[in-house]
Amino acid sequence: MKIQFIGGAQTVTGSMHLLTVDGHKVLLECGLFQGRREEMYQKNQNFPFDPAEVEFLLLSHAHIDHSGNIPNLVKKGFRGKILATPPTVDLCKIMLPDSAYIQEMDVMHVNKIRAKNHQPPVEPIYNSADVQACLGHFVPVEYNQSYPLAPHVKVTFRNAGHILGSAGILLEVNEKGRSLRFGFTGDLGRDGIDLINDPDPLRDLDILVTETTYGNRTHPPAIDAEEKLAQLVRQTAQNGGKVIIPAFAVGRTQQIVYHLHKLFDQNRIPDIPVYVDSPLAVKATEIFRDYPQYLDRETERIYLTDHLDPFKFSRLTYVGSVEESKSLNSLVYPAIIISASGMAEGGRILHHLKNNIENPKNLILFVGYSAKNTLARKIMDGEKRVKIFGEEHEVRAQIAHMDTFSAHGDRHNILDYVDFSDPKHLKKIFLVHGEPEQANSLIDAFRSKGFMDVCYPAPGEEHEF
């Protein structure tokens, strides 16, 4: 077996790793790299391998930094099968068209500004036609059901506990009396988060590739999350401002809606309107409703047993049309606006940031991780002026960040994960999907547990075993 680390290596975006197993090429993930526009365009357009030679794409979950470059893969020759859990397949069928649409709309807006500055137009990374061409390659595979990739190779998906349908990926290779168990965490979830069942770890591994997004941090206790959210909403409403929440349409939006629902029911936040301004989030929420068996017992106890909808309450409005979205710009009273994307690199959230970031009464609340060079990260890091649609805006709004809602496992979760494998058998650990300060802090910690061969591979690096 050979592995080449392509995307998500020494960064947290654009996840992609190429395996050669028993003579067959298998791709783990095909994520969209997000960052500076020129770098994003170049990295996403060019694959360092021939897509036509890849027989299978194994997809851990539907987030765009893991699935978002699939249309390019097919456009450039991939004709194999894309294996993922049924919710992941359904989510990709709404997320990838949305990704293309956002790119097309953003490019149209940017090109208007470029034309005024006598600059040449730019093109989207892919378009809607490219997306439609890729959707027929998806094959749903349920959790814990093995699927043969080759005579001596099979794959099994285990619940990763990250978002709806997310999976850790187990590859089992058996040939000539020898066996190898290769595990890929995808995005590792957490025990005890709302909505989603706890992770089902991959066990008894020989090789592990693990994400390290929060490798140097621990999350605050989940029990404190709702009260902090309530405090921030109460204070902003008292100031007469709006709470603007950039949130991924899949997973984080449903989680925030779930918590706001509980806070309203318990009269812990003011009676102000909540808007989910994301057509994708509306569609994704319908898919959450389609898979109640994937939701956790707490959600079932509070809502599903009494046939209540955890994603619907009286003050909540799902915004569909562009006209409805634009009308939110004229709000003069306190409100909560949740909009995608979480890294503020595209979508309707850019318009809400543009219209609200210069008002000190407002709060921009980040509820997850953002990669370097993204707009969300620049605001979180305290930059006083940021560019939105190519134009500079002064950051005068209040800024807050809550890691508590992150669906990623933290340092303790990552370190605990390896305890399901024996150091005598787990020969190699590869650290991906994390920036250097996160990943490097784990190396000594893993070694102290007896896992001595730990690697933080660079982009393009290859290993054979």
Protein backbone atom coordinates (compact mmCIF):
# COMPACT_ATOMS: atom_id res chain seq x y z
CA MET A 1 0.00 0.00 0.00
CA LYS A 2 1.17 3.51 -0.80
CA ILE A 3 -0.32 6.85 0.25
CA GLN A 4 0.29 10.32 -1.13
CA PHE A 5 -0.90 13.31 0.90
CA ILE A 6 -2.24 15.95 -1.46
CA GLY A 7 -4.77 18.22 0.24
CA GLY A 8 -5.43 18.78 3.92
CA ALA A 9 -1.70 18.25 4.49
CA GLN A 10 -0.32 20.83 6.91
CA THR A 11 -3.57 22.78 6.51
CA VAL A 12 -7.24 22.29 7.40
CA THR A 13 -8.85 22.62 4.00
CA GLY A 14 -9.01 20.77 0.69
CA SER A 15 -8.75 17.26 2.16
CA MET A 16 -7.42 14.73 -0.38
CA HIS A 17 -5.18 11.65 -0.09
CA LEU A 18 -4.35 9.13 -2.82
CA LEU A 19 -3.95 5.43 -1.97
CA THR A 20 -2.51 2.70 -4.14
CA VAL A 21 -3.85 -0.59 -2.75
CA ASP A 22 -3.20 -3.97 -4.37
CA GLY A 23 -2.56 -2.15 -7.65
CA HIS A 24 -5.77 -0.10 -7.43
CA LYS A 25 -5.91 3.69 -7.01
CA VAL A 26 -8.32 4.86 -4.33
CA LEU A 27 -8.87 8.51 -3.40
CA LEU A 28 -9.74 9.50 0.17
CA GLU A 29 -11.79 12.71 -0.08
CA CYS A 30 -11.82 15.34 -2.81
CA GLY A 31 -12.19 18.59 -0.92
CA LEU A 32 -12.23 22.15 -2.15
CA PHE A 33 -9.22 24.16 -1.01
CA GLN A 34 -10.35 27.47 0.49
CA GLY A 35 -8.16 30.53 0.89
CA ARG A 36 -6.79 33.37 -1.23
CA ARG A 37 -8.61 33.52 -4.55
CA GLU A 38 -5.60 32.97 -6.84
CA GLU A 39 -4.16 30.15 -4.71
CA MET A 40 -7.61 28.57 -4.36
CA TYR A 41 -8.12 28.61 -8.12
CA GLN A 42 -4.74 27.07 -8.92
CA LYS A 43 -4.88 24.33 -6.27
CA ASN A 44 -8.41 23.26 -7.08
CA GLN A 45 -7.98 23.22 -10.85
CA ASN A 46 -4.86 21.05 -10.94
CA PHE A 47 -4.64 17.44 -9.71
CA PRO A 48 -1.14 15.94 -9.25
CA PHE A 49 -2.45 12.60 -10.58
CA ASP A 50 -4.57 11.41 -13.47
CA PRO A 51 -8.22 11.30 -12.29
CA ALA A 52 -8.99 8.72 -14.97
CA GLU A 53 -6.76 6.19 -13.16
CA VAL A 54 -8.72 6.43 -9.88
CA GLU A 55 -11.25 3.62 -9.44
CA PHE A 56 -12.91 4.65 -6.17
CA LEU A 57 -13.41 7.84 -4.20
CA LEU A 58 -14.14 7.24 -0.50
CA LEU A 59 -15.90 10.21 1.08
CA SER A 60 -16.07 10.67 4.85
CA HIS A 61 -18.73 13.39 4.85
CA ALA A 62 -20.35 16.13 2.82
CA HIS A 63 -18.61 19.31 3.98
CA ILE A 64 -17.20 21.20 1.01
CA ASP A 65 -13.60 21.08 2.25
CA HIS A 66 -13.93 17.29 1.90
CA SER A 67 -16.29 16.89 -1.08
CA GLY A 68 -16.26 20.19 -2.93
CA ASN A 69 -13.81 19.42 -5.75
CA ILE A 70 -15.58 16.25 -6.95
CA PRO A 71 -17.05 18.03 -10.01
CA ASN A 72 -13.52 18.83 -11.22
CA LEU A 73 -12.42 15.24 -10.61
CA VAL A 74 -15.15 13.93 -12.91
CA LYS A 75 -14.64 16.75 -15.40
CA LYS A 76 -11.00 15.70 -15.73
CA GLY A 77 -11.58 12.02 -16.27
CA PHE A 78 -12.73 10.18 -13.14
CA ARG A 79 -15.27 7.49 -14.07
CA GLY A 80 -15.26 5.36 -10.92
CA LYS A 81 -17.61 5.06 -7.95
CA ILE A 82 -17.95 7.57 -5.11
CA LEU A 83 -18.75 5.66 -1.91
CA ALA A 84 -20.37 7.42 1.05
CA THR A 85 -23.14 6.91 3.60
CA PRO A 86 -26.73 7.57 2.42
CA PRO A 87 -27.05 10.94 4.26
CA THR A 88 -23.69 12.04 2.82
CA VAL A 89 -24.87 11.15 -0.69
CA ASP A 90 -28.10 13.12 -0.20
CA LEU A 91 -26.27 16.09 1.29
CA CYS A 92 -23.75 16.18 -1.57
CA LYS A 93 -26.62 16.27 -4.04
CA ILE A 94 -27.63 19.64 -2.59
CA MET A 95 -24.24 20.97 -1.49
CA LEU A 96 -22.33 20.57 -4.73
CA PRO A 97 -24.95 22.38 -6.86
CA ASP A 98 -25.00 25.09 -4.20
CA SER A 99 -21.21 25.36 -4.32
CA ALA A 100 -21.31 25.86 -8.09
CA TYR A 101 -24.09 28.43 -7.83
CA ILE A 102 -22.25 30.40 -5.14
CA GLN A 103 -19.10 30.43 -7.25
CA GLU A 104 -21.02 31.63 -10.29
CA MET A 105 -22.78 34.41 -8.35
CA ASP A 106 -19.64 35.52 -6.51
CA VAL A 107 -17.66 35.64 -9.74
CA MET A 108 -20.41 37.71 -11.36
CA HIS A 109 -20.29 40.20 -8.47
CA VAL A 110 -16.49 40.32 -8.38
CA ASN A 111 -16.27 40.76 -12.15
CA LYS A 112 -18.48 43.87 -11.96
CA ILE A 113 -15.93 45.41 -9.59
CA ARG A 114 -13.01 44.19 -11.72
CA ALA A 115 -14.58 45.73 -14.81
CA LYS A 116 -14.79 49.10 -13.04
CA ASN A 117 -11.07 48.79 -12.29
CA HIS A 118 -10.29 47.73 -15.89
CA GLN A 119 -9.24 44.24 -14.76
CA PRO A 120 -9.91 41.04 -16.74
CA PRO A 121 -12.79 38.80 -15.57
CA VAL A 122 -12.26 35.61 -13.54
CA GLU A 123 -13.97 32.23 -13.97
CA PRO A 124 -15.60 29.97 -11.37
CA ILE A 125 -13.67 26.84 -10.42
CA TYR A 126 -16.54 24.77 -11.84
CA ASN A 127 -20.12 25.36 -12.93
CA SER A 128 -23.54 23.76 -12.50
CA ALA A 129 -23.15 21.52 -15.55
CA ASP A 130 -19.97 20.05 -14.08
CA VAL A 131 -21.85 19.23 -10.89
CA GLN A 132 -24.69 17.46 -12.70
CA ALA A 133 -22.14 15.29 -14.50
CA CYS A 134 -20.69 14.00 -11.21
CA LEU A 135 -23.85 13.12 -9.26
CA GLY A 136 -24.44 9.80 -11.00
CA HIS A 137 -21.17 8.41 -9.65
CA PHE A 138 -22.35 8.34 -6.00
CA VAL A 139 -23.07 4.95 -4.38
CA PRO A 140 -24.63 4.87 -0.88
CA VAL A 141 -23.13 2.46 1.67
CA GLU A 142 -24.61 2.13 5.15
CA TYR A 143 -22.57 2.19 8.36
CA ASN A 144 -20.92 -1.14 9.24
CA GLN A 145 -21.57 -2.76 5.85
CA SER A 146 -18.39 -3.87 4.06
CA TYR A 147 -18.04 -3.00 0.38
CA PRO A 148 -15.45 -4.76 -1.85
CA LEU A 149 -13.01 -2.52 -3.71
CA ALA A 150 -10.89 -5.36 -5.11
CA PRO A 151 -10.52 -9.12 -4.54
CA HIS A 152 -8.39 -8.54 -1.44
CA VAL A 153 -9.63 -5.09 -0.34
CA LYS A 154 -12.84 -4.00 1.37
CA VAL A 155 -14.03 -0.75 2.95
CA THR A 156 -16.33 -0.16 5.92
CA PHE A 157 -17.79 3.13 7.15
CA ARG A 158 -18.15 3.74 10.91
CA ASN A 159 -20.01 6.63 12.48
CA ALA A 160 -17.56 9.52 13.02
CA GLY A 161 -19.99 11.58 15.14
CA HIS A 162 -19.11 14.81 13.29
CA ILE A 163 -22.16 15.70 11.19
CA LEU A 164 -25.12 13.75 9.82
CA GLY A 165 -23.75 10.70 7.97
CA SER A 166 -20.09 11.42 8.71
CA ALA A 167 -17.83 8.39 8.75
CA GLY A 168 -14.47 7.08 9.73
CA ILE A 169 -13.16 4.86 6.95
CA LEU A 170 -11.71 1.39 7.55
CA LEU A 171 -9.79 -0.34 4.74
CA GLU A 172 -8.98 -4.02 5.22
CA VAL A 173 -6.39 -5.60 2.94
CA ASN A 174 -5.95 -9.41 3.06
CA GLU A 175 -3.53 -11.15 0.74
CA LYS A 176 -1.25 -14.19 0.92
CA GLY A 177 -2.07 -14.79 4.57
CA ARG A 178 -1.24 -11.23 5.61
CA SER A 179 -3.68 -8.52 6.64
CA LEU A 180 -3.55 -4.75 7.06
CA ARG A 181 -6.12 -2.53 8.78
CA PHE A 182 -5.92 1.08 7.59
CA GLY A 183 -8.05 3.73 9.29
CA PHE A 184 -8.93 7.29 8.31
CA THR A 185 -10.87 9.35 10.84
CA GLY A 186 -12.27 11.87 8.37
CA ASP A 187 -13.37 14.69 10.66
CA LEU A 188 -13.47 13.20 14.13
CA GLY A 189 -16.53 14.07 16.19
CA ARG A 190 -17.08 14.40 19.93
CA ASP A 191 -18.93 12.50 22.60
CA GLY A 192 -21.99 14.25 23.94
CA ILE A 193 -22.64 16.86 21.24
CA ASP A 194 -26.25 17.54 20.38
CA LEU A 195 -28.19 15.92 17.53
CA ILE A 196 -25.61 13.37 16.33
CA ASN A 197 -24.80 10.00 17.88
CA ASP A 198 -21.39 9.63 19.53
CA PRO A 199 -18.46 8.39 17.40
CA ASP A 200 -17.88 4.69 16.82
CA PRO A 201 -14.05 4.56 16.77
CA LEU A 202 -12.00 2.52 14.32
CA ARG A 203 -10.25 -0.24 16.27
CA ASP A 204 -7.23 -2.53 16.11
CA LEU A 205 -5.52 -0.55 13.36
CA ASP A 206 -2.11 -0.99 11.75
CA ILE A 207 -2.09 2.46 10.10
CA LEU A 208 -4.05 5.55 11.18
CA VAL A 209 -4.57 8.86 9.38
CA THR A 210 -6.20 11.29 11.80
CA GLU A 211 -7.39 14.86 11.61
CA THR A 212 -5.83 17.32 14.08
CA THR A 213 -7.93 20.47 13.73
CA TYR A 214 -8.04 21.05 17.50
CA GLY A 215 -4.89 19.12 18.34
CA ASN A 216 -3.54 21.78 20.71
CA ARG A 217 -6.83 22.84 22.29
CA THR A 218 -9.57 21.48 24.49
CA HIS A 219 -13.21 22.49 24.18
CA PRO A 220 -14.99 24.12 27.11
CA PRO A 221 -17.58 21.89 28.79
CA ALA A 222 -20.61 21.53 26.53
CA ILE A 223 -22.89 22.29 29.48
CA ASP A 224 -21.65 25.93 29.41
CA ALA A 225 -22.36 26.48 25.71
CA GLU A 226 -26.07 27.31 25.89
CA GLU A 227 -25.66 29.82 28.70
CA LYS A 228 -22.83 31.65 26.95
CA LEU A 229 -24.90 31.79 23.77
CA ALA A 230 -27.85 33.11 25.77
CA GLN A 231 -25.68 35.80 27.39
CA LEU A 232 -24.35 37.00 24.04
CA VAL A 233 -27.84 37.16 22.53
CA ARG A 234 -29.27 38.98 25.56
CA GLN A 235 -26.46 41.58 25.60
CA THR A 236 -26.64 42.27 21.86
CA ALA A 237 -30.43 42.59 21.94
CA GLN A 238 -30.16 44.97 24.88
CA ASN A 239 -27.75 47.09 22.81
CA GLY A 240 -30.25 47.17 19.97
CA GLY A 241 -27.99 45.18 17.65
CA LYS A 242 -28.13 42.07 15.50
CA VAL A 243 -26.31 38.78 16.03
CA ILE A 244 -24.73 37.65 12.76
CA ILE A 245 -23.64 33.99 12.82
CA PRO A 246 -21.55 32.62 9.92
CA ALA A 247 -22.28 28.90 10.05
CA PHE A 248 -21.88 25.93 7.76
CA ALA A 249 -25.25 25.10 6.26
CA VAL A 250 -24.85 21.43 7.13
CA GLY A 251 -24.34 20.48 10.76
CA ARG A 252 -23.55 23.75 12.50
CA THR A 253 -26.71 25.58 11.41
CA GLN A 254 -28.94 22.74 12.61
CA GLN A 255 -27.01 22.60 15.87
CA ILE A 256 -27.39 26.35 16.53
CA VAL A 257 -31.09 26.23 15.64
CA TYR A 258 -31.50 23.31 18.07
CA HIS A 259 -29.92 25.30 20.92
CA LEU A 260 -31.88 28.49 20.16
CA HIS A 261 -35.06 26.41 20.14
CA LYS A 262 -34.29 25.18 23.66
CA LEU A 263 -33.35 28.69 24.86
CA PHE A 264 -36.62 30.15 23.57
CA ASP A 265 -38.61 27.32 25.14
CA GLN A 266 -36.90 28.03 28.47
CA ASN A 267 -37.37 31.86 28.17
CA ARG A 268 -33.61 32.39 28.48
CA ILE A 269 -33.29 34.74 25.51
CA PRO A 270 -35.45 37.69 24.38
CA ASP A 271 -38.37 37.18 22.02
CA ILE A 272 -36.50 38.33 18.90
CA PRO A 273 -36.73 36.90 15.37
CA VAL A 274 -34.26 34.30 14.11
CA TYR A 275 -33.53 33.99 10.40
CA VAL A 276 -31.73 31.12 8.71
CA ASP A 277 -30.70 32.79 5.47
CA SER A 278 -29.37 29.94 3.41
CA PRO A 279 -31.31 27.98 0.80
CA LEU A 280 -28.81 25.19 1.30
CA ALA A 281 -29.46 25.08 5.05
CA VAL A 282 -33.19 24.82 4.37
CA LYS A 283 -32.62 21.81 2.09
CA ALA A 284 -30.09 20.28 4.49
CA THR A 285 -32.52 20.56 7.39
CA GLU A 286 -35.04 18.55 5.36
CA ILE A 287 -32.41 15.82 4.98
CA PHE A 288 -31.83 15.85 8.75
CA ARG A 289 -35.57 15.25 9.11
CA ASP A 290 -35.31 12.33 6.65
CA TYR A 291 -32.82 10.47 8.88
CA PRO A 292 -34.20 10.50 12.46
CA GLN A 293 -32.43 7.17 13.07
CA TYR A 294 -29.10 9.04 12.80
CA LEU A 295 -30.02 11.53 15.55
CA ASP A 296 -29.14 10.98 19.20
CA ARG A 297 -31.30 9.83 22.11
CA GLU A 298 -31.45 13.30 23.68
CA THR A 299 -33.04 14.73 20.54
CA GLU A 300 -35.45 11.81 20.49
CA ARG A 301 -36.33 12.30 24.16
CA ILE A 302 -36.92 16.07 23.95
CA TYR A 303 -38.59 16.31 20.56
CA LEU A 304 -39.06 13.22 18.43
CA THR A 305 -40.97 11.12 20.99
CA ASP A 306 -43.71 13.77 21.03
CA HIS A 307 -43.52 14.22 17.25
CA LEU A 308 -42.06 17.72 17.62
CA ASP A 309 -39.68 19.25 15.10
CA PRO A 310 -36.32 20.19 16.70
CA PHE A 311 -35.63 22.49 13.73
CA LYS A 312 -38.80 24.59 13.90
CA PHE A 313 -40.18 27.11 16.42
CA SER A 314 -42.36 30.21 16.36
CA ARG A 315 -39.65 32.89 16.09
CA LEU A 316 -37.68 31.04 13.41
CA THR A 317 -37.92 31.89 9.71
CA TYR A 318 -36.13 30.01 6.94
CA VAL A 319 -35.30 32.53 4.23
CA GLY A 320 -35.52 31.26 0.67
CA SER A 321 -35.65 33.95 -1.99
CA VAL A 322 -33.06 36.59 -2.78
CA GLU A 323 -35.69 39.28 -2.15
CA GLU A 324 -36.34 37.97 1.37
CA SER A 325 -32.60 37.87 2.02
CA LYS A 326 -32.14 41.45 0.85
CA SER A 327 -34.99 42.60 3.08
CA LEU A 328 -32.94 41.57 6.12
CA ASN A 329 -30.53 44.41 5.31
CA SER A 330 -33.18 46.94 6.33
CA LEU A 331 -33.89 45.44 9.78
CA VAL A 332 -33.71 48.15 12.45
CA TYR A 333 -34.52 45.96 15.45
CA PRO A 334 -32.59 43.16 17.22
CA ALA A 335 -32.51 39.84 15.38
CA ILE A 336 -30.37 36.76 14.87
CA ILE A 337 -29.21 35.95 11.34
CA ILE A 338 -27.57 32.59 10.65
CA SER A 339 -26.05 32.31 7.20
CA ALA A 340 -23.47 30.30 5.26
CA SER A 341 -20.62 29.82 4.80
CA GLY A 342 -18.90 29.28 8.12
CA MET A 343 -15.53 30.48 6.82
CA ALA A 344 -17.23 33.49 5.16
CA GLU A 345 -15.66 32.65 1.82
CA GLY A 346 -18.88 32.77 -0.18
CA GLY A 347 -22.64 32.83 0.01
CA ARG A 348 -25.18 35.18 1.58
CA ILE A 349 -23.15 35.65 4.76
CA LEU A 350 -20.88 38.00 2.81
CA HIS A 351 -23.79 40.40 2.23
CA HIS A 352 -24.75 40.30 5.91
CA LEU A 353 -21.17 40.96 6.98
CA LYS A 354 -20.89 43.80 4.48
CA ASN A 355 -24.05 45.43 5.85
CA ASN A 356 -23.43 44.86 9.57
CA ILE A 357 -19.69 44.70 10.27
CA GLU A 358 -19.27 48.46 10.71
CA ASN A 359 -22.00 48.86 13.37
CA PRO A 360 -20.63 48.54 16.94
CA LYS A 361 -24.08 47.52 18.24
CA ASN A 362 -23.92 44.29 16.24
CA LEU A 363 -22.20 41.03 17.16
CA ILE A 364 -20.42 38.76 14.70
CA LEU A 365 -20.45 35.36 16.40
CA PHE A 366 -18.22 32.60 15.03
CA VAL A 367 -19.21 29.11 16.11
CA GLY A 368 -16.48 26.95 14.56
CA TYR A 369 -13.00 26.71 13.12
CA SER A 370 -11.82 28.80 10.17
CA ALA A 371 -8.72 28.15 8.06
CA LYS A 372 -5.91 30.66 7.61
CA ASN A 373 -6.45 33.41 5.02
CA THR A 374 -10.24 33.03 5.03
CA LEU A 375 -12.35 36.11 5.78
CA ALA A 376 -13.71 34.54 8.96
CA ARG A 377 -10.20 33.86 10.25
CA LYS A 378 -9.06 37.42 9.48
CA ILE A 379 -11.96 38.84 11.48
CA MET A 380 -11.42 36.36 14.31
CA ASP A 381 -7.72 37.26 14.42
CA GLY A 382 -8.59 40.92 15.00
CA GLU A 383 -7.89 42.57 11.66
CA LYS A 384 -9.37 46.08 11.73
CA ARG A 385 -10.11 46.31 8.01
CA VAL A 386 -11.17 43.46 5.75
CA LYS A 387 -12.14 43.12 2.11
CA ILE A 388 -15.64 41.92 1.25
CA PHE A 389 -16.46 41.62 -2.47
CA GLY A 390 -13.17 43.38 -3.18
CA GLU A 391 -14.03 46.46 -1.12
CA GLU A 392 -12.54 47.38 2.27
CA HIS A 393 -14.73 47.57 5.37
CA GLU A 394 -13.82 48.66 8.89
CA VAL A 395 -14.47 46.05 11.58
CA ARG A 396 -16.44 47.93 14.22
CA ALA A 397 -18.93 45.25 15.28
CA GLN A 398 -18.35 43.18 18.39
CA ILE A 399 -16.60 39.86 17.68
CA ALA A 400 -17.03 36.62 19.62
CA HIS A 401 -15.92 33.03 19.03
CA MET A 402 -17.36 29.88 20.60
CA ASP A 403 -15.39 26.67 20.09
CA THR A 404 -17.91 24.86 22.25
CA PHE A 405 -20.20 24.22 19.29
CA SER A 406 -17.42 22.70 17.23
CA ALA A 407 -18.27 19.25 15.90
CA HIS A 408 -14.54 18.42 15.79
CA GLY A 409 -12.96 16.38 18.52
CA ASP A 410 -10.43 18.27 20.62
CA ARG A 411 -6.98 17.23 21.85
CA HIS A 412 -8.35 14.76 24.40
CA ASN A 413 -10.67 13.14 21.84
CA ILE A 414 -7.84 12.70 19.33
CA LEU A 415 -5.47 11.21 21.92
CA ASP A 416 -8.16 8.92 23.30
CA TYR A 417 -8.95 7.65 19.81
CA VAL A 418 -5.66 5.77 19.47
CA ASP A 419 -6.34 3.85 22.68
CA PHE A 420 -8.63 1.59 20.63
CA SER A 421 -5.49 0.24 18.91
CA ASP A 422 -2.49 -1.55 20.43
CA PRO A 423 0.86 0.29 20.10
CA LYS A 424 2.41 -3.06 19.14
CA HIS A 425 0.21 -3.20 16.03
CA LEU A 426 -0.44 0.44 15.14
CA LYS A 427 2.76 0.94 13.18
CA LYS A 428 2.26 4.46 11.85
CA ILE A 429 0.16 7.53 12.64
CA PHE A 430 -0.20 10.33 10.08
CA LEU A 431 -1.45 13.73 11.22
CA VAL A 432 -3.51 15.69 8.67
CA HIS A 433 -6.19 18.40 8.52
CA GLY A 434 -4.39 20.58 11.04
CA GLU A 435 -2.06 23.55 10.99
CA PRO A 436 1.48 23.04 12.38
CA GLU A 437 0.79 24.39 15.87
CA GLN A 438 -2.11 21.96 16.25
CA ALA A 439 -0.52 18.84 14.77
CA ASN A 440 2.99 19.19 16.15
CA SER A 441 1.72 19.44 19.71
CA LEU A 442 0.34 15.91 19.39
CA ILE A 443 3.52 14.14 18.32
CA ASP A 444 5.13 13.88 21.77
CA ALA A 445 1.75 13.09 23.32
CA PHE A 446 1.26 10.13 20.99
CA ARG A 447 4.79 8.92 21.67
CA SER A 448 4.20 9.08 25.41
CA LYS A 449 1.39 6.59 24.82
CA GLY A 450 3.80 4.23 23.08
CA PHE A 451 2.99 5.17 19.45
CA MET A 452 6.49 6.04 18.34
CA ASP A 453 6.16 6.46 14.56
CA VAL A 454 4.13 9.66 14.12
CA CYS A 455 4.37 11.76 10.95
CA TYR A 456 3.07 15.19 9.93
CA PRO A 457 3.35 14.86 6.14
CA ALA A 458 3.89 17.79 3.78
CA PRO A 459 1.77 18.26 0.64
CA GLY A 460 2.83 15.75 -2.00
CA GLU A 461 4.70 13.53 0.46
CA GLU A 462 4.46 9.77 -0.20
CA HIS A 463 4.76 6.79 2.13
CA GLU A 464 4.78 3.06 1.38
CA PHE A 465 4.14 0.21 3.77
